[in-house]
C-alpha atoms as a PDB file:
ATOM      1  CA  MET A   1     -41.998   4.564  19.636  1.00  0.00           C
ATOM      2  CA  THR A   2     -42.861   7.425  21.983  1.00  0.00           C
ATOM      3  CA  SER A   3     -44.361  10.832  21.314  1.00  0.00           C
ATOM      4  CA  GLU A   4     -43.065  14.059  22.794  1.00  0.00           C
ATOM      5  CA  ALA A   5     -44.921  17.007  24.289  1.00  0.00           C
ATOM      6  CA  ALA A   6     -44.829  20.546  22.959  1.00  0.00           C
ATOM      7  CA  VAL A   7     -41.380  21.145  24.329  1.00  0.00           C
ATOM      8  CA  SER A   8     -39.790  17.927  25.461  1.00  0.00           C
ATOM      9  CA  THR A   9     -37.059  17.195  27.936  1.00  0.00           C
ATOM     10  CA  PRO A  10     -34.509  14.397  27.811  1.00  0.00           C
ATOM     11  CA  SER A  11     -35.655  11.171  29.374  1.00  0.00           C
ATOM     12  CA  PRO A  12     -34.675  10.683  33.040  1.00  0.00           C
ATOM     13  CA  THR A  13     -32.378   7.835  32.096  1.00  0.00           C
ATOM     14  CA  SER A  14     -30.409   9.775  29.526  1.00  0.00           C
ATOM     15  CA  SER A  15     -30.356  12.882  31.687  1.00  0.00           C
ATOM     16  CA  ASN A  16     -28.959  11.096  34.694  1.00  0.00           C
ATOM     17  CA  SER A  17     -26.291   9.376  32.646  1.00  0.00           C
ATOM     18  CA  THR A  18     -24.856  12.554  31.208  1.00  0.00           C
ATOM     19  CA  SER A  19     -22.020  14.479  32.753  1.00  0.00           C
ATOM     20  CA  PRO A  20     -22.470  18.050  34.133  1.00  0.00           C
ATOM     21  CA  ALA A  21     -20.642  19.352  31.060  1.00  0.00           C
ATOM     22  CA  ASN A  22     -23.086  17.613  28.756  1.00  0.00           C
ATOM     23  CA  ARG A  23     -26.040  18.957  30.727  1.00  0.00           C
ATOM     24  CA  ASP A  24     -24.634  22.474  30.410  1.00  0.00           C
ATOM     25  CA  TYR A  25     -24.233  21.913  26.699  1.00  0.00           C
ATOM     26  CA  TYR A  26     -27.843  20.760  26.537  1.00  0.00           C
ATOM     27  CA  TRP A  27     -29.039  24.017  28.097  1.00  0.00           C
ATOM     28  CA  LEU A  28     -26.893  26.019  25.683  1.00  0.00           C
ATOM     29  CA  ARG A  29     -28.382  24.189  22.711  1.00  0.00           C
ATOM     30  CA  SER A  30     -31.863  24.654  24.128  1.00  0.00           C
ATOM     31  CA  PHE A  31     -31.170  28.385  24.547  1.00  0.00           C
ATOM     32  CA  VAL A  32     -29.983  28.698  20.934  1.00  0.00           C
ATOM     33  CA  ALA A  33     -32.947  26.710  19.607  1.00  0.00           C
ATOM     34  CA  GLY A  34     -35.444  28.955  21.388  1.00  0.00           C
ATOM     35  CA  GLY A  35     -33.652  32.122  20.276  1.00  0.00           C
ATOM     36  CA  VAL A  36     -33.564  31.090  16.618  1.00  0.00           C
ATOM     37  CA  ALA A  37     -37.247  30.099  16.782  1.00  0.00           C
ATOM     38  CA  GLY A  38     -38.185  33.485  18.197  1.00  0.00           C
ATOM     39  CA  CYS A  39     -36.186  35.435  15.613  1.00  0.00           C
ATOM     40  CA  CYS A  40     -37.652  33.496  12.681  1.00  0.00           C
ATOM     41  CA  ALA A  41     -41.179  33.946  14.004  1.00  0.00           C
ATOM     42  CA  LYS A  42     -40.900  37.696  14.576  1.00  0.00           C
ATOM     43  CA  THR A  43     -39.092  38.462  11.320  1.00  0.00           C
ATOM     44  CA  THR A  44     -41.890  36.703   9.455  1.00  0.00           C
ATOM     45  CA  ILE A  45     -44.503  39.061  10.893  1.00  0.00           C
ATOM     46  CA  ALA A  46     -42.443  42.244  11.416  1.00  0.00           C
ATOM     47  CA  PRO A  47     -44.520  44.329   8.936  1.00  0.00           C
ATOM     48  CA  LEU A  48     -47.738  43.247  10.626  1.00  0.00           C
ATOM     49  CA  ASP A  49     -46.320  44.131  14.040  1.00  0.00           C
ATOM     50  CA  ARG A  50     -45.412  47.643  12.864  1.00  0.00           C
ATOM     51  CA  VAL A  51     -48.942  48.260  11.591  1.00  0.00           C
ATOM     52  CA  LYS A  52     -50.430  46.881  14.809  1.00  0.00           C
ATOM     53  CA  ILE A  53     -48.397  49.273  16.965  1.00  0.00           C
ATOM     54  CA  LEU A  54     -49.425  52.233  14.803  1.00  0.00           C
ATOM     55  CA  LEU A  55     -53.090  51.278  15.164  1.00  0.00           C
ATOM     56  CA  GLN A  56     -52.955  50.501  18.876  1.00  0.00           C
ATOM     57  CA  GLY A  57     -51.255  53.826  19.629  1.00  0.00           C
ATOM     58  CA  GLN A  58     -53.749  55.724  17.430  1.00  0.00           C
ATOM     59  CA  SER A  59     -50.913  57.294  15.368  1.00  0.00           C
ATOM     60  CA  PRO A  60     -52.110  60.676  14.015  1.00  0.00           C
ATOM     61  CA  HIS A  61     -50.529  59.833  10.654  1.00  0.00           C
ATOM     62  CA  TYR A  62     -52.638  56.696  10.187  1.00  0.00           C
ATOM     63  CA  LYS A  63     -55.431  57.282  12.708  1.00  0.00           C
ATOM     64  CA  HIS A  64     -58.159  57.446  10.064  1.00  0.00           C
ATOM     65  CA  LEU A  65     -57.094  54.217   8.364  1.00  0.00           C
ATOM     66  CA  GLY A  66     -57.905  50.583   8.948  1.00  0.00           C
ATOM     67  CA  VAL A  67     -55.621  47.572   9.054  1.00  0.00           C
ATOM     68  CA  PHE A  68     -55.130  46.897   5.359  1.00  0.00           C
ATOM     69  CA  SER A  69     -55.185  50.552   4.287  1.00  0.00           C
ATOM     70  CA  THR A  70     -52.452  51.274   6.868  1.00  0.00           C
ATOM     71  CA  PHE A  71     -50.465  48.330   5.561  1.00  0.00           C
ATOM     72  CA  THR A  72     -50.477  49.866   2.072  1.00  0.00           C
ATOM     73  CA  ALA A  73     -50.043  53.462   3.283  1.00  0.00           C
ATOM     74  CA  VAL A  74     -46.845  52.864   5.279  1.00  0.00           C
ATOM     75  CA  PRO A  75     -44.674  51.878   2.247  1.00  0.00           C
ATOM     76  CA  LYS A  76     -46.007  54.874   0.292  1.00  0.00           C
ATOM     77  CA  LYS A  77     -45.139  57.300   3.074  1.00  0.00           C
ATOM     78  CA  GLU A  78     -41.980  55.719   4.497  1.00  0.00           C
ATOM     79  CA  GLY A  79     -40.775  53.245   1.889  1.00  0.00           C
ATOM     80  CA  ILE A  80     -40.852  49.458   2.056  1.00  0.00           C
ATOM     81  CA  LEU A  81     -38.352  49.437   4.951  1.00  0.00           C
ATOM     82  CA  GLY A  82     -40.893  51.436   6.939  1.00  0.00           C
ATOM     83  CA  LEU A  83     -42.719  48.174   7.521  1.00  0.00           C
ATOM     84  CA  TYR A  84     -39.618  46.895   9.351  1.00  0.00           C
ATOM     85  CA  LYS A  85     -39.010  49.973  11.505  1.00  0.00           C
ATOM     86  CA  GLY A  86     -38.087  48.855  15.010  1.00  0.00           C
ATOM     87  CA  ASN A  87     -37.300  45.317  13.874  1.00  0.00           C
ATOM     88  CA  GLY A  88     -33.613  45.681  14.734  1.00  0.00           C
ATOM     89  CA  ALA A  89     -34.537  46.377  18.359  1.00  0.00           C
ATOM     90  CA  MET A  90     -36.968  43.483  18.186  1.00  0.00           C
ATOM     91  CA  MET A  91     -34.239  41.056  17.114  1.00  0.00           C
ATOM     92  CA  VAL A  92     -32.009  42.217  19.967  1.00  0.00           C
ATOM     93  CA  ARG A  93     -34.901  41.469  22.323  1.00  0.00           C
ATOM     94  CA  ILE A  94     -36.500  38.425  20.767  1.00  0.00           C
ATOM     95  CA  PHE A  95     -33.462  36.137  20.729  1.00  0.00           C
ATOM     96  CA  PRO A  96     -33.080  36.098  24.523  1.00  0.00           C
ATOM     97  CA  TYR A  97     -36.875  36.282  24.905  1.00  0.00           C
ATOM     98  CA  GLY A  98     -37.531  33.218  22.762  1.00  0.00           C
ATOM     99  CA  ALA A  99     -34.580  31.384  24.267  1.00  0.00           C
ATOM    100  CA  ILE A 100     -35.671  32.074  27.850  1.00  0.00           C
ATOM    101  CA  GLN A 101     -39.335  31.313  27.159  1.00  0.00           C
ATOM    102  CA  PHE A 102     -38.820  27.892  25.550  1.00  0.00           C
ATOM    103  CA  MET A 103     -36.072  26.921  27.967  1.00  0.00           C
ATOM    104  CA  ALA A 104     -38.086  28.073  30.995  1.00  0.00           C
ATOM    105  CA  PHE A 105     -41.168  26.210  29.776  1.00  0.00           C
ATOM    106  CA  ASP A 106     -39.126  23.034  29.590  1.00  0.00           C
ATOM    107  CA  LYS A 107     -37.828  23.565  33.116  1.00  0.00           C
ATOM    108  CA  TYR A 108     -41.144  24.627  34.680  1.00  0.00           C
ATOM    109  CA  LYS A 109     -43.033  21.763  33.060  1.00  0.00           C
ATOM    110  CA  LYS A 110     -40.564  19.261  34.463  1.00  0.00           C
ATOM    111  CA  LEU A 111     -40.723  20.905  37.898  1.00  0.00           C
ATOM    112  CA  LEU A 112     -44.519  20.959  38.035  1.00  0.00           C
ATOM    113  CA  SER A 113     -45.043  17.418  36.788  1.00  0.00           C
ATOM    114  CA  LYS A 114     -42.251  15.567  38.588  1.00  0.00           C
ATOM    115  CA  ARG A 115     -41.755  17.460  41.842  1.00  0.00           C
ATOM    116  CA  ILE A 116     -45.180  18.940  42.518  1.00  0.00           C
ATOM    117  CA  GLY A 117     -47.246  16.257  40.805  1.00  0.00           C
ATOM    118  CA  ILE A 118     -49.615  18.517  38.841  1.00  0.00           C
ATOM    119  CA  SER A 119     -51.540  16.738  36.060  1.00  0.00           C
ATOM    120  CA  ARG A 120     -50.194  16.763  32.520  1.00  0.00           C
ATOM    121  CA  HIS A 121     -52.763  19.120  30.985  1.00  0.00           C
ATOM    122  CA  ILE A 122     -52.768  21.694  33.783  1.00  0.00           C
ATOM    123  CA  HIS A 123     -48.990  21.673  34.078  1.00  0.00           C
ATOM    124  CA  ARG A 124     -48.706  22.780  30.429  1.00  0.00           C
ATOM    125  CA  LEU A 125     -50.946  25.780  31.134  1.00  0.00           C
ATOM    126  CA  MET A 126     -49.104  26.773  34.296  1.00  0.00           C
ATOM    127  CA  ALA A 127     -45.618  26.184  32.852  1.00  0.00           C
ATOM    128  CA  GLY A 128     -46.466  28.226  29.748  1.00  0.00           C
ATOM    129  CA  SER A 129     -47.729  31.139  31.843  1.00  0.00           C
ATOM    130  CA  MET A 130     -44.688  31.079  34.114  1.00  0.00           C
ATOM    131  CA  ALA A 131     -42.276  30.803  31.171  1.00  0.00           C
ATOM    132  CA  GLY A 132     -43.906  33.708  29.347  1.00  0.00           C
ATOM    133  CA  MET A 133     -43.759  35.965  32.394  1.00  0.00           C
ATOM    134  CA  THR A 134     -40.136  35.004  33.074  1.00  0.00           C
ATOM    135  CA  ALA A 135     -39.127  35.910  29.516  1.00  0.00           C
ATOM    136  CA  VAL A 136     -41.037  39.209  29.681  1.00  0.00           C
ATOM    137  CA  ILE A 137     -39.405  40.337  32.917  1.00  0.00           C
ATOM    138  CA  CYS A 138     -35.922  39.570  31.573  1.00  0.00           C
ATOM    139  CA  THR A 139     -36.350  41.415  28.259  1.00  0.00           C
ATOM    140  CA  TYR A 140     -39.019  44.067  28.871  1.00  0.00           C
ATOM    141  CA  PRO A 141     -36.878  47.239  28.495  1.00  0.00           C
ATOM    142  CA  LEU A 142     -35.972  46.134  24.965  1.00  0.00           C
ATOM    143  CA  ASP A 143     -39.661  45.721  24.153  1.00  0.00           C
ATOM    144  CA  VAL A 144     -40.321  49.307  25.245  1.00  0.00           C
ATOM    145  CA  VAL A 145     -37.457  50.558  23.069  1.00  0.00           C
ATOM    146  CA  ARG A 146     -38.739  48.604  20.097  1.00  0.00           C
ATOM    147  CA  ALA A 147     -42.272  50.009  20.541  1.00  0.00           C
ATOM    148  CA  ARG A 148     -40.977  53.589  20.597  1.00  0.00           C
ATOM    149  CA  LEU A 149     -38.982  53.058  17.402  1.00  0.00           C
ATOM    150  CA  ALA A 150     -41.843  51.312  15.607  1.00  0.00           C
ATOM    151  CA  PHE A 151     -44.284  54.120  16.479  1.00  0.00           C
ATOM    152  CA  GLN A 152     -42.132  56.736  14.740  1.00  0.00           C
ATOM    153  CA  VAL A 153     -43.233  57.923  11.307  1.00  0.00           C
ATOM    154  CA  LYS A 154     -40.853  59.265   8.658  1.00  0.00           C
ATOM    155  CA  GLY A 155     -40.560  63.044   8.958  1.00  0.00           C
ATOM    156  CA  ASP A 156     -41.592  62.963  12.605  1.00  0.00           C
ATOM    157  CA  ASN A 157     -38.698  61.062  14.184  1.00  0.00           C
ATOM    158  CA  ARG A 158     -37.901  61.528  17.850  1.00  0.00           C
ATOM    159  CA  TYR A 159     -35.141  58.943  18.079  1.00  0.00           C
ATOM    160  CA  SER A 160     -32.114  58.194  15.909  1.00  0.00           C
ATOM    161  CA  GLY A 161     -31.639  54.610  17.044  1.00  0.00           C
ATOM    162  CA  ILE A 162     -31.731  52.082  19.864  1.00  0.00           C
ATOM    163  CA  ILE A 163     -29.097  53.825  22.025  1.00  0.00           C
ATOM    164  CA  ASP A 164     -30.835  57.185  21.581  1.00  0.00           C
ATOM    165  CA  VAL A 165     -34.122  55.680  22.793  1.00  0.00           C
ATOM    166  CA  PHE A 166     -32.448  54.294  25.909  1.00  0.00           C
ATOM    167  CA  ARG A 167     -30.880  57.672  26.681  1.00  0.00           C
ATOM    168  CA  SER A 168     -34.068  59.614  26.018  1.00  0.00           C
ATOM    169  CA  ILE A 169     -36.291  57.358  28.136  1.00  0.00           C
ATOM    170  CA  TYR A 170     -33.852  57.405  31.052  1.00  0.00           C
ATOM    171  CA  ARG A 171     -33.410  61.180  30.850  1.00  0.00           C
ATOM    172  CA  LYS A 172     -37.111  62.065  30.570  1.00  0.00           C
ATOM    173  CA  GLU A 173     -38.851  59.255  32.448  1.00  0.00           C
ATOM    174  CA  GLY A 174     -36.187  57.677  34.621  1.00  0.00           C
ATOM    175  CA  ALA A 175     -35.664  53.962  35.132  1.00  0.00           C
ATOM    176  CA  PHE A 176     -39.431  53.524  35.536  1.00  0.00           C
ATOM    177  CA  GLY A 177     -39.867  54.453  31.871  1.00  0.00           C
ATOM    178  CA  PHE A 178     -38.296  51.157  30.814  1.00  0.00           C
ATOM    179  CA  TYR A 179     -41.014  49.255  32.656  1.00  0.00           C
ATOM    180  CA  ARG A 180     -44.091  51.234  31.639  1.00  0.00           C
ATOM    181  CA  GLY A 181     -46.837  48.758  30.875  1.00  0.00           C
ATOM    182  CA  LEU A 182     -45.098  45.850  32.580  1.00  0.00           C
ATOM    183  CA  THR A 183     -48.096  45.041  34.781  1.00  0.00           C
ATOM    184  CA  PRO A 184     -50.637  44.603  31.947  1.00  0.00           C
ATOM    185  CA  THR A 185     -47.955  42.760  29.995  1.00  0.00           C
ATOM    186  CA  LEU A 186     -47.502  40.223  32.774  1.00  0.00           C
ATOM    187  CA  ILE A 187     -51.247  39.952  33.332  1.00  0.00           C
ATOM    188  CA  GLY A 188     -51.792  39.470  29.612  1.00  0.00           C
ATOM    189  CA  MET A 189     -48.827  37.145  29.197  1.00  0.00           C
ATOM    190  CA  ALA A 190     -50.141  34.677  31.762  1.00  0.00           C
ATOM    191  CA  PRO A 191     -53.212  33.649  29.720  1.00  0.00           C
ATOM    192  CA  TYR A 192     -51.513  34.217  26.353  1.00  0.00           C
ATOM    193  CA  ALA A 193     -48.378  32.136  26.889  1.00  0.00           C
ATOM    194  CA  GLY A 194     -50.204  29.622  29.048  1.00  0.00           C
ATOM    195  CA  LEU A 195     -53.015  29.048  26.543  1.00  0.00           C
ATOM    196  CA  SER A 196     -50.569  29.053  23.636  1.00  0.00           C
ATOM    197  CA  PHE A 197     -48.338  26.307  25.038  1.00  0.00           C
ATOM    198  CA  PHE A 198     -51.341  24.464  26.495  1.00  0.00           C
ATOM    199  CA  THR A 199     -53.291  24.466  23.218  1.00  0.00           C
ATOM    200  CA  PHE A 200     -50.308  23.494  21.106  1.00  0.00           C
ATOM    201  CA  GLY A 201     -49.218  20.764  23.499  1.00  0.00           C
ATOM    202  CA  THR A 202     -52.734  19.366  23.841  1.00  0.00           C
ATOM    203  CA  LEU A 203     -53.376  19.343  20.090  1.00  0.00           C
ATOM    204  CA  LYS A 204     -50.008  17.699  19.528  1.00  0.00           C
ATOM    205  CA  SER A 205     -50.563  15.032  22.167  1.00  0.00           C
ATOM    206  CA  LEU A 206     -54.073  14.223  20.919  1.00  0.00           C
ATOM    207  CA  GLY A 207     -52.911  14.082  17.309  1.00  0.00           C
ATOM    208  CA  LEU A 208     -49.987  11.761  18.019  1.00  0.00           C
ATOM    209  CA  LYS A 209     -52.105   9.600  20.318  1.00  0.00           C
ATOM    210  CA  HIS A 210     -55.124   9.091  18.059  1.00  0.00           C
ATOM    211  CA  PHE A 211     -53.706   9.587  14.543  1.00  0.00           C
ATOM    212  CA  PRO A 212     -49.982   8.723  14.735  1.00  0.00           C
ATOM    213  CA  GLU A 213     -49.856   7.259  11.217  1.00  0.00           C
ATOM    214  CA  HIS A 214     -51.446  10.284   9.559  1.00  0.00           C
ATOM    215  CA  LEU A 215     -50.074  13.164  11.642  1.00  0.00           C
ATOM    216  CA  GLY A 216     -46.756  11.917  12.995  1.00  0.00           C
ATOM    217  CA  ARG A 217     -43.317  10.921  11.776  1.00  0.00           C
ATOM    218  CA  PRO A 218     -40.075   9.752  13.451  1.00  0.00           C
ATOM    219  CA  SER A 219     -37.714  12.487  14.569  1.00  0.00           C
ATOM    220  CA  SER A 220     -34.666  12.751  12.315  1.00  0.00           C
ATOM    221  CA  ASP A 221     -32.239  12.716  15.261  1.00  0.00           C
ATOM    222  CA  ASN A 222     -34.089  10.083  17.313  1.00  0.00           C
ATOM    223  CA  PRO A 223     -36.250   7.536  15.432  1.00  0.00           C
ATOM    224  CA  ASP A 224     -37.765   6.404  18.740  1.00  0.00           C
ATOM    225  CA  VAL A 225     -39.424   9.800  19.203  1.00  0.00           C
ATOM    226  CA  LEU A 226     -42.584  10.527  17.216  1.00  0.00           C
ATOM    227  CA  ILE A 227     -43.133  14.165  16.205  1.00  0.00           C
ATOM    228  CA  LEU A 228     -45.775  15.992  14.184  1.00  0.00           C
ATOM    229  CA  LYS A 229     -45.384  16.404  10.448  1.00  0.00           C
ATOM    230  CA  THR A 230     -44.361  19.931   9.488  1.00  0.00           C
ATOM    231  CA  HIS A 231     -47.691  21.058   8.030  1.00  0.00           C
ATOM    232  CA  VAL A 232     -49.573  19.689  11.051  1.00  0.00           C
ATOM    233  CA  ASN A 233     -47.102  21.443  13.358  1.00  0.00           C
ATOM    234  CA  LEU A 234     -47.758  24.718  11.559  1.00  0.00           C
ATOM    235  CA  LEU A 235     -51.510  24.266  11.855  1.00  0.00           C
ATOM    236  CA  CYS A 236     -51.412  23.450  15.572  1.00  0.00           C
ATOM    237  CA  GLY A 237     -49.156  26.434  16.271  1.00  0.00           C
ATOM    238  CA  GLY A 238     -51.446  28.763  14.340  1.00  0.00           C
ATOM    239  CA  VAL A 239     -54.576  27.606  16.159  1.00  0.00           C
ATOM    240  CA  ALA A 240     -52.801  27.961  19.507  1.00  0.00           C
ATOM    241  CA  GLY A 241     -51.724  31.521  18.742  1.00  0.00           C
ATOM    242  CA  ALA A 242     -55.129  32.673  17.485  1.00  0.00           C
ATOM    243  CA  PHE A 243     -56.955  31.299  20.513  1.00  0.00           C
ATOM    244  CA  ALA A 244     -54.512  32.786  23.003  1.00  0.00           C
ATOM    245  CA  GLN A 245     -54.571  36.217  21.367  1.00  0.00           C
ATOM    246  CA  THR A 246     -58.351  36.450  21.446  1.00  0.00           C
ATOM    247  CA  VAL A 247     -58.351  36.113  25.224  1.00  0.00           C
ATOM    248  CA  SER A 248     -55.503  38.518  26.002  1.00  0.00           C
ATOM    249  CA  TYR A 249     -55.770  41.223  23.295  1.00  0.00           C
ATOM    250  CA  PRO A 250     -57.280  44.112  25.363  1.00  0.00           C
ATOM    251  CA  LEU A 251     -54.355  43.860  27.779  1.00  0.00           C
ATOM    252  CA  ASP A 252     -51.988  43.997  24.816  1.00  0.00           C
ATOM    253  CA  VAL A 253     -53.593  47.292  23.757  1.00  0.00           C
ATOM    254  CA  ALA A 254     -53.177  48.684  27.288  1.00  0.00           C
ATOM    255  CA  ARG A 255     -49.569  47.516  27.350  1.00  0.00           C
ATOM    256  CA  ARG A 256     -48.687  49.247  24.077  1.00  0.00           C
ATOM    257  CA  ARG A 257     -50.279  52.539  25.068  1.00  0.00           C
ATOM    258  CA  MET A 258     -48.449  52.516  28.395  1.00  0.00           C
ATOM    259  CA  GLN A 259     -45.176  51.637  26.677  1.00  0.00           C
ATOM    260  CA  LEU A 260     -45.485  54.576  24.291  1.00  0.00           C
ATOM    261  CA  GLY A 261     -45.710  56.885  27.296  1.00  0.00           C
ATOM    262  CA  THR A 262     -45.019  60.544  26.572  1.00  0.00           C
ATOM    263  CA  VAL A 263     -45.039  59.860  22.832  1.00  0.00           C
ATOM    264  CA  LEU A 264     -48.845  59.929  23.064  1.00  0.00           C
ATOM    265  CA  PRO A 265     -50.617  63.272  23.713  1.00  0.00           C
ATOM    266  CA  ASP A 266     -53.008  61.530  26.126  1.00  0.00           C
ATOM    267  CA  SER A 267     -50.315  59.639  28.051  1.00  0.00           C
ATOM    268  CA  ASP A 268     -51.595  61.073  31.344  1.00  0.00           C
ATOM    269  CA  LYS A 269     -54.743  58.981  30.851  1.00  0.00           C
ATOM    270  CA  CYS A 270     -52.683  55.773  30.693  1.00  0.00           C
ATOM    271  CA  GLY A 271     -51.026  55.603  34.089  1.00  0.00           C
ATOM    272  CA  SER A 272     -52.198  52.131  35.088  1.00  0.00           C
ATOM    273  CA  PRO A 273     -53.667  49.061  33.350  1.00  0.00           C
ATOM    274  CA  ILE A 274     -57.196  49.607  34.673  1.00  0.00           C
ATOM    275  CA  LYS A 275     -57.053  53.334  33.978  1.00  0.00           C
ATOM    276  CA  THR A 276     -55.798  52.708  30.452  1.00  0.00           C
ATOM    277  CA  LEU A 277     -58.428  50.073  29.669  1.00  0.00           C
ATOM    278  CA  LYS A 278     -61.184  52.324  31.036  1.00  0.00           C
ATOM    279  CA  TYR A 279     -59.963  55.333  29.050  1.00  0.00           C
ATOM    280  CA  VAL A 280     -59.634  53.403  25.783  1.00  0.00           C
ATOM    281  CA  TYR A 281     -63.081  51.855  26.266  1.00  0.00           C
ATOM    282  CA  GLU A 282     -64.779  55.183  27.048  1.00  0.00           C
ATOM    283  CA  LYS A 283     -63.071  57.117  24.243  1.00  0.00           C
ATOM    284  CA  TYR A 284     -62.910  54.537  21.449  1.00  0.00           C
ATOM    285  CA  GLY A 285     -65.222  51.701  22.502  1.00  0.00           C
ATOM    286  CA  ILE A 286     -64.649  47.974  22.175  1.00  0.00           C
ATOM    287  CA  LYS A 287     -64.220  47.439  18.431  1.00  0.00           C
ATOM    288  CA  LYS A 288     -62.259  50.641  17.701  1.00  0.00           C
ATOM    289  CA  GLY A 289     -60.425  50.705  21.002  1.00  0.00           C
ATOM    290  CA  LEU A 290     -59.910  47.566  23.070  1.00  0.00           C
ATOM    291  CA  TYR A 291     -59.902  45.341  19.982  1.00  0.00           C
ATOM    292  CA  ARG A 292     -58.506  47.766  17.419  1.00  0.00           C
ATOM    293  CA  GLY A 293     -56.137  45.840  15.165  1.00  0.00           C
ATOM    294  CA  LEU A 294     -57.389  42.425  16.317  1.00  0.00           C
ATOM    295  CA  SER A 295     -58.075  41.290  12.751  1.00  0.00           C
ATOM    296  CA  LEU A 296     -54.424  42.048  11.999  1.00  0.00           C
ATOM    297  CA  ASN A 297     -53.426  40.127  15.104  1.00  0.00           C
ATOM    298  CA  TYR A 298     -55.221  37.058  13.816  1.00  0.00           C
ATOM    299  CA  VAL A 299     -53.285  37.395  10.567  1.00  0.00           C
ATOM    300  CA  ARG A 300     -49.970  37.822  12.399  1.00  0.00           C
ATOM    301  CA  CYS A 301     -50.516  35.308  15.200  1.00  0.00           C
ATOM    302  CA  VAL A 302     -51.120  32.324  12.986  1.00  0.00           C
ATOM    303  CA  PRO A 303     -47.803  32.524  11.077  1.00  0.00           C
ATOM    304  CA  SER A 304     -45.903  33.754  14.148  1.00  0.00           C
ATOM    305  CA  GLN A 305     -46.842  30.948  16.501  1.00  0.00           C
ATOM    306  CA  ALA A 306     -46.767  28.405  13.705  1.00  0.00           C
ATOM    307  CA  MET A 307     -43.241  29.488  12.772  1.00  0.00           C
ATOM    308  CA  ALA A 308     -42.083  29.626  16.408  1.00  0.00           C
ATOM    309  CA  PHE A 309     -43.192  26.129  17.360  1.00  0.00           C
ATOM    310  CA  THR A 310     -42.192  24.591  14.037  1.00  0.00           C
ATOM    311  CA  THR A 311     -38.741  26.212  14.038  1.00  0.00           C
ATOM    312  CA  TYR A 312     -38.152  25.117  17.622  1.00  0.00           C
ATOM    313  CA  GLU A 313     -39.113  21.544  16.746  1.00  0.00           C
ATOM    314  CA  PHE A 314     -36.718  21.690  13.781  1.00  0.00           C
ATOM    315  CA  MET A 315     -33.889  23.170  15.849  1.00  0.00           C
ATOM    316  CA  LYS A 316     -34.337  20.462  18.475  1.00  0.00           C
ATOM    317  CA  GLN A 317     -33.582  17.892  15.813  1.00  0.00           C
ATOM    318  CA  VAL A 318     -30.650  19.848  14.382  1.00  0.00           C
ATOM    319  CA  LEU A 319     -29.130  20.323  17.840  1.00  0.00           C
ATOM    320  CA  HIS A 320     -30.070  16.814  19.018  1.00  0.00           C
ATOM    321  CA  LEU A 321     -32.396  17.870  21.827  1.00  0.00           C
ATOM    322  CA  ASN A 322     -34.987  15.118  21.372  1.00  0.00           C
END
């Protein structure tokens, strides 16, 4: 029985024996599996994401509050659905984002290991970074739209919906407005996605190698493939997400403030990643600026990454990708 890596590819034998049509079908199933995994992960933590954006952007309505007090204040001011504001735009973005990220990781990992000959541990880190940046570039405008919607507070709405945000950004900021904050996003995504996939893949490989009887079980669609048990999968995904977020969080703060653009009164201070990081540090410091909302990010990252990796593993079995 063999064990699979974080995101496995078909064996060379089976891949070579399939027809072009079957290979296309494989990529379609892989795309769907990644998209479903992304949607499940983000819906699980949508309320936490809304609070994080409000804190990172220093919303005047919740500026004086902390993480948990903001979490309780939003439903009182905007209703329970206020915690899901901007989630519709997120779902439009996250399906292709998750699909591209998981599918690209699979492709990059295979390219790096088989054609370039990079070692198994390093190729996970590099493939994860490249996959994350690829997904970001393809879906970034939707992330900007989602951030603008999530930053709105009831009674102080600037936009009526997704289409209105697109029109407003293009009219006031031009095409560049859709890519505000892209640089810090890419810089932050490299260590975040890379460390996330690397940590998950390494923990999974070590677990299946040293404790296969306790941590692993046969895949439902391929008994010859050993996969992690669900609760172990969740744990590995959570640890991977928490570790990756700790490293990249300041860049995430810079990204959000740049994305919000003219919505913020001090948007002129956030013209570039370095300028934004310097301004936030000088005005708010490390704890209340560069790492504001980090405790919430730990809370959201664990279930998000755990759900993403676990759902993808489940979908691979459902769609016979193992």
